C-alpha atoms as a PDB file:
ATOM      1  CA  UNK A   1      65.684  46.563  99.233  1.00  0.00           C
ATOM      2  CA  UNK A   2      65.197  48.609 102.422  1.00  0.00           C
ATOM      3  CA  UNK A   3      61.943  49.995 101.003  1.00  0.00           C
ATOM      4  CA  UNK A   4      60.975  46.478  99.958  1.00  0.00           C
ATOM      5  CA  UNK A   5      61.410  45.192 103.506  1.00  0.00           C
ATOM      6  CA  UNK A   6      59.502  48.155 104.918  1.00  0.00           C
ATOM      7  CA  UNK A   7      56.619  47.490 102.538  1.00  0.00           C
ATOM      8  CA  UNK A   8      56.572  43.810 103.544  1.00  0.00           C
ATOM      9  CA  UNK A   9      56.536  44.679 107.240  1.00  0.00           C
ATOM     10  CA  UNK A  10      53.804  47.253 106.668  1.00  0.00           C
ATOM     11  CA  UNK A  11      51.674  44.745 104.749  1.00  0.00           C
ATOM     12  CA  UNK A  12      52.061  42.174 107.522  1.00  0.00           C
ATOM     13  CA  UNK A  13      51.010  44.725 110.145  1.00  0.00           C
ATOM     14  CA  UNK A  14      47.921  45.660 108.132  1.00  0.00           C
ATOM     15  CA  UNK A  15      46.751  42.052 108.495  1.00  0.00           C
ATOM     16  CA  UNK A  16      46.880  42.201 112.295  1.00  0.00           C
ATOM     17  CA  UNK A  17      45.265  45.622 112.782  1.00  0.00           C
ATOM     18  CA  UNK A  18      41.823  45.715 114.444  1.00  0.00           C
ATOM     19  CA  UNK A  19      40.281  46.915 111.180  1.00  0.00           C
ATOM     20  CA  UNK A  20      39.816  44.473 108.332  1.00  0.00           C
ATOM     21  CA  UNK A  21      42.280  45.097 105.505  1.00  0.00           C
ATOM     22  CA  UNK A  22      40.260  46.105 102.451  1.00  0.00           C
ATOM     23  CA  UNK A  23      42.112  45.536  99.198  1.00  0.00           C
ATOM     24  CA  UNK A  24      40.455  46.683  95.969  1.00  0.00           C
ATOM     25  CA  UNK A  25      42.018  44.555  93.248  1.00  0.00           C
ATOM     26  CA  UNK A  26      43.662  46.158  90.206  1.00  0.00           C
ATOM     27  CA  UNK A  27      44.836  44.757  86.883  1.00  0.00           C
ATOM     28  CA  UNK A  28      46.965  47.435  85.189  1.00  0.00           C
ATOM     29  CA  UNK A  29      48.747  50.698  85.910  1.00  0.00           C
ATOM     30  CA  UNK A  30      45.821  53.031  85.325  1.00  0.00           C
ATOM     31  CA  UNK A  31      43.480  51.010  87.566  1.00  0.00           C
ATOM     32  CA  UNK A  32      46.198  50.941  90.241  1.00  0.00           C
ATOM     33  CA  UNK A  33      46.667  54.708  90.051  1.00  0.00           C
ATOM     34  CA  UNK A  34      42.922  55.280  90.342  1.00  0.00           C
ATOM     35  CA  UNK A  35      42.838  53.220  93.544  1.00  0.00           C
ATOM     36  CA  UNK A  36      46.052  54.669  94.996  1.00  0.00           C
ATOM     37  CA  UNK A  37      44.579  58.159  94.617  1.00  0.00           C
ATOM     38  CA  UNK A  38      42.039  57.302  97.336  1.00  0.00           C
ATOM     39  CA  UNK A  39      43.239  58.094 100.882  1.00  0.00           C
ATOM     40  CA  UNK A  40      41.685  54.864 102.203  1.00  0.00           C
ATOM     41  CA  UNK A  41      44.105  52.752 100.143  1.00  0.00           C
ATOM     42  CA  UNK A  42      46.776  51.133 102.313  1.00  0.00           C
ATOM     43  CA  UNK A  43      48.100  48.518  99.888  1.00  0.00           C
ATOM     44  CA  UNK A  44      47.568  47.212  96.377  1.00  0.00           C
ATOM     45  CA  UNK A  45      46.443  43.728  95.363  1.00  0.00           C
ATOM     46  CA  UNK A  46      46.584  42.498  91.791  1.00  0.00           C
ATOM     47  CA  UNK A  47      43.872  40.232  90.379  1.00  0.00           C
ATOM     48  CA  UNK A  48      45.335  37.338  88.419  1.00  0.00           C
ATOM     49  CA  UNK A  49      42.039  36.624  86.660  1.00  0.00           C
ATOM     50  CA  UNK A  50      41.759  40.259  85.576  1.00  0.00           C
ATOM     51  CA  UNK A  51      45.344  40.521  84.335  1.00  0.00           C
ATOM     52  CA  UNK A  52      44.879  37.325  82.335  1.00  0.00           C
ATOM     53  CA  UNK A  53      41.653  38.684  80.845  1.00  0.00           C
ATOM     54  CA  UNK A  54      43.404  41.939  79.938  1.00  0.00           C
ATOM     55  CA  UNK A  55      45.774  39.987  77.708  1.00  0.00           C
ATOM     56  CA  UNK A  56      43.107  37.666  76.328  1.00  0.00           C
ATOM     57  CA  UNK A  57      43.846  34.602  78.448  1.00  0.00           C
ATOM     58  CA  UNK A  58      41.500  32.514  80.553  1.00  0.00           C
ATOM     59  CA  UNK A  59      42.137  32.348  84.283  1.00  0.00           C
ATOM     60  CA  UNK A  60      44.189  29.489  85.704  1.00  0.00           C
ATOM     61  CA  UNK A  61      47.848  29.931  84.679  1.00  0.00           C
ATOM     62  CA  UNK A  62      47.054  30.154  80.972  1.00  0.00           C
ATOM     63  CA  UNK A  63      48.824  33.515  80.806  1.00  0.00           C
ATOM     64  CA  UNK A  64      52.623  33.164  80.506  1.00  0.00           C
ATOM     65  CA  UNK A  65      54.252  33.935  83.854  1.00  0.00           C
ATOM     66  CA  UNK A  66      56.562  36.507  82.275  1.00  0.00           C
ATOM     67  CA  UNK A  67      53.612  38.426  80.804  1.00  0.00           C
ATOM     68  CA  UNK A  68      51.751  38.455  84.106  1.00  0.00           C
ATOM     69  CA  UNK A  69      54.820  39.498  86.103  1.00  0.00           C
ATOM     70  CA  UNK A  70      55.627  42.272  83.641  1.00  0.00           C
ATOM     71  CA  UNK A  71      52.246  43.830  84.387  1.00  0.00           C
ATOM     72  CA  UNK A  72      52.773  43.306  88.119  1.00  0.00           C
ATOM     73  CA  UNK A  73      56.157  45.037  87.830  1.00  0.00           C
ATOM     74  CA  UNK A  74      54.589  47.992  86.025  1.00  0.00           C
ATOM     75  CA  UNK A  75      51.974  48.283  88.766  1.00  0.00           C
ATOM     76  CA  UNK A  76      54.567  48.065  91.556  1.00  0.00           C
ATOM     77  CA  UNK A  77      56.725  50.724  89.918  1.00  0.00           C
ATOM     78  CA  UNK A  78      53.735  53.054  89.580  1.00  0.00           C
ATOM     79  CA  UNK A  79      52.772  53.049  93.272  1.00  0.00           C
ATOM     80  CA  UNK A  80      54.527  53.684  96.569  1.00  0.00           C
ATOM     81  CA  UNK A  81      52.584  51.156  98.601  1.00  0.00           C
ATOM     82  CA  UNK A  82      52.958  47.447  99.414  1.00  0.00           C
ATOM     83  CA  UNK A  83      51.905  45.251  96.503  1.00  0.00           C
ATOM     84  CA  UNK A  84      50.583  41.721  96.869  1.00  0.00           C
ATOM     85  CA  UNK A  85      50.068  39.640  93.744  1.00  0.00           C
ATOM     86  CA  UNK A  86      47.826  36.784  92.753  1.00  0.00           C
ATOM     87  CA  UNK A  87      50.255  34.032  91.715  1.00  0.00           C
ATOM     88  CA  UNK A  88      47.624  31.381  90.991  1.00  0.00           C
ATOM     89  CA  UNK A  89      49.034  28.007  92.096  1.00  0.00           C
ATOM     90  CA  UNK A  90      52.676  29.051  91.774  1.00  0.00           C
ATOM     91  CA  UNK A  91      53.104  28.315  88.057  1.00  0.00           C
ATOM     92  CA  UNK A  92      54.722  24.942  88.680  1.00  0.00           C
ATOM     93  CA  UNK A  93      57.487  26.240  90.970  1.00  0.00           C
ATOM     94  CA  UNK A  94      56.198  28.397  93.797  1.00  0.00           C
ATOM     95  CA  UNK A  95      59.641  29.220  95.149  1.00  0.00           C
ATOM     96  CA  UNK A  96      61.005  30.441  91.822  1.00  0.00           C
ATOM     97  CA  UNK A  97      57.781  32.284  91.027  1.00  0.00           C
ATOM     98  CA  UNK A  98      57.905  34.116  94.365  1.00  0.00           C
ATOM     99  CA  UNK A  99      61.555  34.993  93.752  1.00  0.00           C
ATOM    100  CA  UNK A 100      60.630  36.503  90.381  1.00  0.00           C
ATOM    101  CA  UNK A 101      57.655  38.292  91.895  1.00  0.00           C
ATOM    102  CA  UNK A 102      59.863  39.864  94.558  1.00  0.00           C
ATOM    103  CA  UNK A 103      62.206  41.043  91.809  1.00  0.00           C
ATOM    104  CA  UNK A 104      59.158  42.616  90.174  1.00  0.00           C
ATOM    105  CA  UNK A 105      58.429  44.613  93.342  1.00  0.00           C
ATOM    106  CA  UNK A 106      55.990  42.346  95.157  1.00  0.00           C
ATOM    107  CA  UNK A 107      56.093  41.770  98.927  1.00  0.00           C
ATOM    108  CA  UNK A 108      53.140  39.393  99.269  1.00  0.00           C
ATOM    109  CA  UNK A 109      51.046  36.974  97.278  1.00  0.00           C
ATOM    110  CA  UNK A 110      48.108  34.601  97.035  1.00  0.00           C
ATOM    111  CA  UNK A 111      48.955  31.027  96.109  1.00  0.00           C
ATOM    112  CA  UNK A 112      46.109  28.527  95.811  1.00  0.00           C
ATOM    113  CA  UNK A 113      46.095  24.849  96.697  1.00  0.00           C
ATOM    114  CA  UNK A 114      43.474  23.632  94.188  1.00  0.00           C
ATOM    115  CA  UNK A 115      42.739  20.960  96.800  1.00  0.00           C
ATOM    116  CA  UNK A 116      45.919  19.064  96.017  1.00  0.00           C
ATOM    117  CA  UNK A 117      47.090  16.609  98.717  1.00  0.00           C
ATOM    118  CA  UNK A 118      47.832  18.429 101.969  1.00  0.00           C
ATOM    119  CA  UNK A 119      51.521  17.506 102.135  1.00  0.00           C
ATOM    120  CA  UNK A 120      52.042  18.770  98.592  1.00  0.00           C
ATOM    121  CA  UNK A 121      50.207  22.006  99.364  1.00  0.00           C
ATOM    122  CA  UNK A 122      52.204  22.593 102.546  1.00  0.00           C
ATOM    123  CA  UNK A 123      55.412  22.129 100.563  1.00  0.00           C
ATOM    124  CA  UNK A 124      54.278  24.894  98.200  1.00  0.00           C
ATOM    125  CA  UNK A 125      53.752  27.243 101.140  1.00  0.00           C
ATOM    126  CA  UNK A 126      57.153  26.345 102.567  1.00  0.00           C
ATOM    127  CA  UNK A 127      58.817  26.979  99.208  1.00  0.00           C
ATOM    128  CA  UNK A 128      57.196  30.398  98.899  1.00  0.00           C
ATOM    129  CA  UNK A 129      58.240  31.449 102.391  1.00  0.00           C
ATOM    130  CA  UNK A 130      61.768  30.112 101.883  1.00  0.00           C
ATOM    131  CA  UNK A 131      62.085  32.118  98.674  1.00  0.00           C
ATOM    132  CA  UNK A 132      61.185  35.286 100.539  1.00  0.00           C
ATOM    133  CA  UNK A 133      63.718  34.517 103.254  1.00  0.00           C
ATOM    134  CA  UNK A 134      66.410  33.893 100.649  1.00  0.00           C
ATOM    135  CA  UNK A 135      65.666  37.310  99.135  1.00  0.00           C
ATOM    136  CA  UNK A 136      65.709  38.981 102.558  1.00  0.00           C
ATOM    137  CA  UNK A 137      61.966  39.732 102.465  1.00  0.00           C
ATOM    138  CA  UNK A 138      59.483  38.759 105.206  1.00  0.00           C
ATOM    139  CA  UNK A 139      57.104  37.632 102.485  1.00  0.00           C
ATOM    140  CA  UNK A 140      53.391  37.989 103.268  1.00  0.00           C
ATOM    141  CA  UNK A 141      51.708  34.851 101.979  1.00  0.00           C
ATOM    142  CA  UNK A 142      47.917  34.723 101.839  1.00  0.00           C
ATOM    143  CA  UNK A 143      47.713  30.949 101.376  1.00  0.00           C
ATOM    144  CA  UNK A 144      44.523  30.078  99.549  1.00  0.00           C
ATOM    145  CA  UNK A 145      42.552  26.918 100.087  1.00  0.00           C
ATOM    146  CA  UNK A 146      39.889  25.923  97.604  1.00  0.00           C
ATOM    147  CA  UNK A 147      38.021  23.899 100.215  1.00  0.00           C
ATOM    148  CA  UNK A 148      34.765  25.639  99.226  1.00  0.00           C
ATOM    149  CA  UNK A 149      35.147  26.638  95.577  1.00  0.00           C
ATOM    150  CA  UNK A 150      36.212  23.103  94.592  1.00  0.00           C
ATOM    151  CA  UNK A 151      34.006  21.306  97.122  1.00  0.00           C
ATOM    152  CA  UNK A 152      31.589  19.850  94.613  1.00  0.00           C
ATOM    153  CA  UNK A 153      28.558  18.408  96.388  1.00  0.00           C
ATOM    154  CA  UNK A 154      30.212  17.431  99.650  1.00  0.00           C
ATOM    155  CA  UNK A 155      28.575  18.644 102.891  1.00  0.00           C
ATOM    156  CA  UNK A 156      29.499  22.134 104.095  1.00  0.00           C
ATOM    157  CA  UNK A 157      30.744  20.686 107.387  1.00  0.00           C
ATOM    158  CA  UNK A 158      33.376  18.702 105.493  1.00  0.00           C
ATOM    159  CA  UNK A 159      34.540  21.804 103.650  1.00  0.00           C
ATOM    160  CA  UNK A 160      34.801  23.712 106.920  1.00  0.00           C
ATOM    161  CA  UNK A 161      36.865  20.919 108.503  1.00  0.00           C
ATOM    162  CA  UNK A 162      39.080  20.688 105.413  1.00  0.00           C
ATOM    163  CA  UNK A 163      39.648  24.445 105.319  1.00  0.00           C
ATOM    164  CA  UNK A 164      40.551  24.492 109.007  1.00  0.00           C
ATOM    165  CA  UNK A 165      42.985  21.584 108.691  1.00  0.00           C
ATOM    166  CA  UNK A 166      44.657  23.105 105.665  1.00  0.00           C
ATOM    167  CA  UNK A 167      44.623  26.593 107.127  1.00  0.00           C
ATOM    168  CA  UNK A 168      46.364  25.537 110.320  1.00  0.00           C
ATOM    169  CA  UNK A 169      48.965  23.638 108.320  1.00  0.00           C
ATOM    170  CA  UNK A 170      49.642  26.641 106.062  1.00  0.00           C
ATOM    171  CA  UNK A 171      50.028  28.980 109.031  1.00  0.00           C
ATOM    172  CA  UNK A 172      52.437  26.512 110.657  1.00  0.00           C
ATOM    173  CA  UNK A 173      54.421  26.509 107.392  1.00  0.00           C
ATOM    174  CA  UNK A 174      54.788  30.297 107.509  1.00  0.00           C
ATOM    175  CA  UNK A 175      51.722  31.774 105.814  1.00  0.00           C
ATOM    176  CA  UNK A 176      50.454  35.082 107.205  1.00  0.00           C
ATOM    177  CA  UNK A 177      46.785  34.407 106.530  1.00  0.00           C
ATOM    178  CA  UNK A 178      44.553  31.758 105.000  1.00  0.00           C
ATOM    179  CA  UNK A 179      42.381  32.770 102.070  1.00  0.00           C
ATOM    180  CA  UNK A 180      39.079  30.887 101.893  1.00  0.00           C
ATOM    181  CA  UNK A 181      37.196  32.098  98.795  1.00  0.00           C
ATOM    182  CA  UNK A 182      33.477  31.465  98.490  1.00  0.00           C
ATOM    183  CA  UNK A 183      30.204  33.042  99.590  1.00  0.00           C
ATOM    184  CA  UNK A 184      30.752  32.585 103.305  1.00  0.00           C
ATOM    185  CA  UNK A 185      27.785  33.290 105.536  1.00  0.00           C
ATOM    186  CA  UNK A 186      28.169  34.362 109.156  1.00  0.00           C
ATOM    187  CA  UNK A 187      27.968  30.925 110.777  1.00  0.00           C
ATOM    188  CA  UNK A 188      30.514  29.398 108.400  1.00  0.00           C
ATOM    189  CA  UNK A 189      32.834  32.377 108.784  1.00  0.00           C
ATOM    190  CA  UNK A 190      32.585  32.173 112.561  1.00  0.00           C
ATOM    191  CA  UNK A 191      33.599  28.513 112.510  1.00  0.00           C
ATOM    192  CA  UNK A 192      36.522  29.214 110.190  1.00  0.00           C
ATOM    193  CA  UNK A 193      37.812  32.017 112.408  1.00  0.00           C
ATOM    194  CA  UNK A 194      37.434  29.863 115.516  1.00  0.00           C
ATOM    195  CA  UNK A 195      39.271  26.980 113.846  1.00  0.00           C
ATOM    196  CA  UNK A 196      42.010  28.856 111.972  1.00  0.00           C
ATOM    197  CA  UNK A 197      42.480  31.855 114.226  1.00  0.00           C
ATOM    198  CA  UNK A 198      41.309  35.397 114.895  1.00  0.00           C
ATOM    199  CA  UNK A 199      42.693  37.815 112.274  1.00  0.00           C
ATOM    200  CA  UNK A 200      44.025  34.863 110.282  1.00  0.00           C
ATOM    201  CA  UNK A 201      41.229  34.323 107.761  1.00  0.00           C
ATOM    202  CA  UNK A 202      41.015  36.146 104.436  1.00  0.00           C
ATOM    203  CA  UNK A 203      37.835  36.278 102.331  1.00  0.00           C
ATOM    204  CA  UNK A 204      36.565  37.546  98.999  1.00  0.00           C
ATOM    205  CA  UNK A 205      33.769  40.036  98.532  1.00  0.00           C
ATOM    206  CA  UNK A 206      31.177  38.546  96.182  1.00  0.00           C
ATOM    207  CA  UNK A 207      27.539  39.281  95.384  1.00  0.00           C
ATOM    208  CA  UNK A 208      25.568  37.580  98.149  1.00  0.00           C
ATOM    209  CA  UNK A 209      28.432  37.504 100.632  1.00  0.00           C
ATOM    210  CA  UNK A 210      28.693  39.521 103.849  1.00  0.00           C
ATOM    211  CA  UNK A 211      29.930  43.098 103.873  1.00  0.00           C
ATOM    212  CA  UNK A 212      33.473  43.983 104.904  1.00  0.00           C
ATOM    213  CA  UNK A 213      32.173  45.392 108.196  1.00  0.00           C
ATOM    214  CA  UNK A 214      30.306  42.167 108.941  1.00  0.00           C
ATOM    215  CA  UNK A 215      33.385  40.071 108.229  1.00  0.00           C
ATOM    216  CA  UNK A 216      35.463  42.413 110.392  1.00  0.00           C
ATOM    217  CA  UNK A 217      33.094  41.882 113.336  1.00  0.00           C
ATOM    218  CA  UNK A 218      33.612  38.122 112.955  1.00  0.00           C
ATOM    219  CA  UNK A 219      37.410  38.429 113.225  1.00  0.00           C
ATOM    220  CA  UNK A 220      38.358  38.241 109.535  1.00  0.00           C
ATOM    221  CA  UNK A 221      41.707  39.840 108.698  1.00  0.00           C
ATOM    222  CA  UNK A 222      41.371  40.735 105.043  1.00  0.00           C
ATOM    223  CA  UNK A 223      38.913  41.082 102.195  1.00  0.00           C
ATOM    224  CA  UNK A 224      39.696  41.289  98.488  1.00  0.00           C
ATOM    225  CA  UNK A 225      37.443  41.345  95.435  1.00  0.00           C
ATOM    226  CA  UNK A 226      39.288  39.338  92.782  1.00  0.00           C
ATOM    227  CA  UNK A 227      37.900  39.819  89.262  1.00  0.00           C
ATOM    228  CA  UNK A 228      34.802  41.608  90.568  1.00  0.00           C
ATOM    229  CA  UNK A 229      36.336  45.091  90.280  1.00  0.00           C
ATOM    230  CA  UNK A 230      37.239  44.600  86.633  1.00  0.00           C
ATOM    231  CA  UNK A 231      33.759  43.239  85.980  1.00  0.00           C
ATOM    232  CA  UNK A 232      32.251  46.384  87.487  1.00  0.00           C
ATOM    233  CA  UNK A 233      34.498  48.539  85.270  1.00  0.00           C
ATOM    234  CA  UNK A 234      33.654  46.536  82.153  1.00  0.00           C
ATOM    235  CA  UNK A 235      29.953  46.649  82.997  1.00  0.00           C
ATOM    236  CA  UNK A 236      30.157  50.447  83.183  1.00  0.00           C
ATOM    237  CA  UNK A 237      32.028  50.524  79.867  1.00  0.00           C
ATOM    238  CA  UNK A 238      29.482  48.332  78.115  1.00  0.00           C
ATOM    239  CA  UNK A 239      26.569  50.257  79.600  1.00  0.00           C
ATOM    240  CA  UNK A 240      27.907  53.632  78.461  1.00  0.00           C
ATOM    241  CA  UNK A 241      28.614  52.158  75.026  1.00  0.00           C
ATOM    242  CA  UNK A 242      24.971  51.079  74.752  1.00  0.00           C
ATOM    243  CA  UNK A 243      23.930  54.599  75.701  1.00  0.00           C
ATOM    244  CA  UNK A 244      26.291  56.128  73.129  1.00  0.00           C
ATOM    245  CA  UNK A 245      24.964  53.799  70.426  1.00  0.00           C
ATOM    246  CA  UNK A 246      21.504  55.067  71.355  1.00  0.00           C
ATOM    247  CA  UNK A 247      22.641  58.646  70.690  1.00  0.00           C
ATOM    248  CA  UNK A 248      23.452  59.323  74.314  1.00  0.00           C
ATOM    249  CA  UNK A 249      26.306  61.411  75.696  1.00  0.00           C
ATOM    250  CA  UNK A 250      29.233  60.908  78.024  1.00  0.00           C
ATOM    251  CA  UNK A 251      27.940  61.565  81.581  1.00  0.00           C
ATOM    252  CA  UNK A 252      28.929  64.967  82.949  1.00  0.00           C
ATOM    253  CA  UNK A 253      30.017  63.262  86.186  1.00  0.00           C
ATOM    254  CA  UNK A 254      32.840  61.425  84.389  1.00  0.00           C
ATOM    255  CA  UNK A 255      36.190  62.024  86.098  1.00  0.00           C
ATOM    256  CA  UNK A 256      39.521  62.331  84.257  1.00  0.00           C
ATOM    257  CA  UNK A 257      41.249  59.372  85.917  1.00  0.00           C
ATOM    258  CA  UNK A 258      43.474  58.518  82.972  1.00  0.00           C
END
């Protein structure tokens, strides 16, 4: 438990450092080991979408919690770094899910609001933080708001205001940062940071979004890549398969990472 607490404290500090925290998402033990082998890696983040896909489930809590947490446990046991997990919307009981995740070796998590009523969403954040306190862990919650990804056709200004209101409420309830997924351009990001707080906003790296360095300059605390990393890996796999079907050969630059 001492190591667990140290990992949680380390993860929290990484969110307040001047440099943006870059987390390259993993989905199984071998992908985690490949990322941990890089000296730039400071912590590990699991991708819920990618873990679900690995087992043949669609994203969105279709994978049984026990199956997902078993993979998270395997990842946590394979690395000696803080691990933060994607816990979707909390699987119906955020407090109990966080408790189980901590038992699996996790010291932080993403939990999404799916734009449920604010009071209900704040209660989820409070339950997650309380679970960490009960387990003696200063749990690092990256509270996600879907103010942009579930915005529909409402004006961007309304999504910004919604994200700021929710973000402030989640921070007041104990969250470490507020995750606002979407392709956030500079002006939108600037408004979110001004409204939620410097080094309090977390983003996702997507095609068409800003670079990590650009987000860092705007005061963003953290960037993750969700299912994108698995998609890159699967794209490489499919591309080499096409080449092999065409009588190609395994590239000589291939590294023995497994």
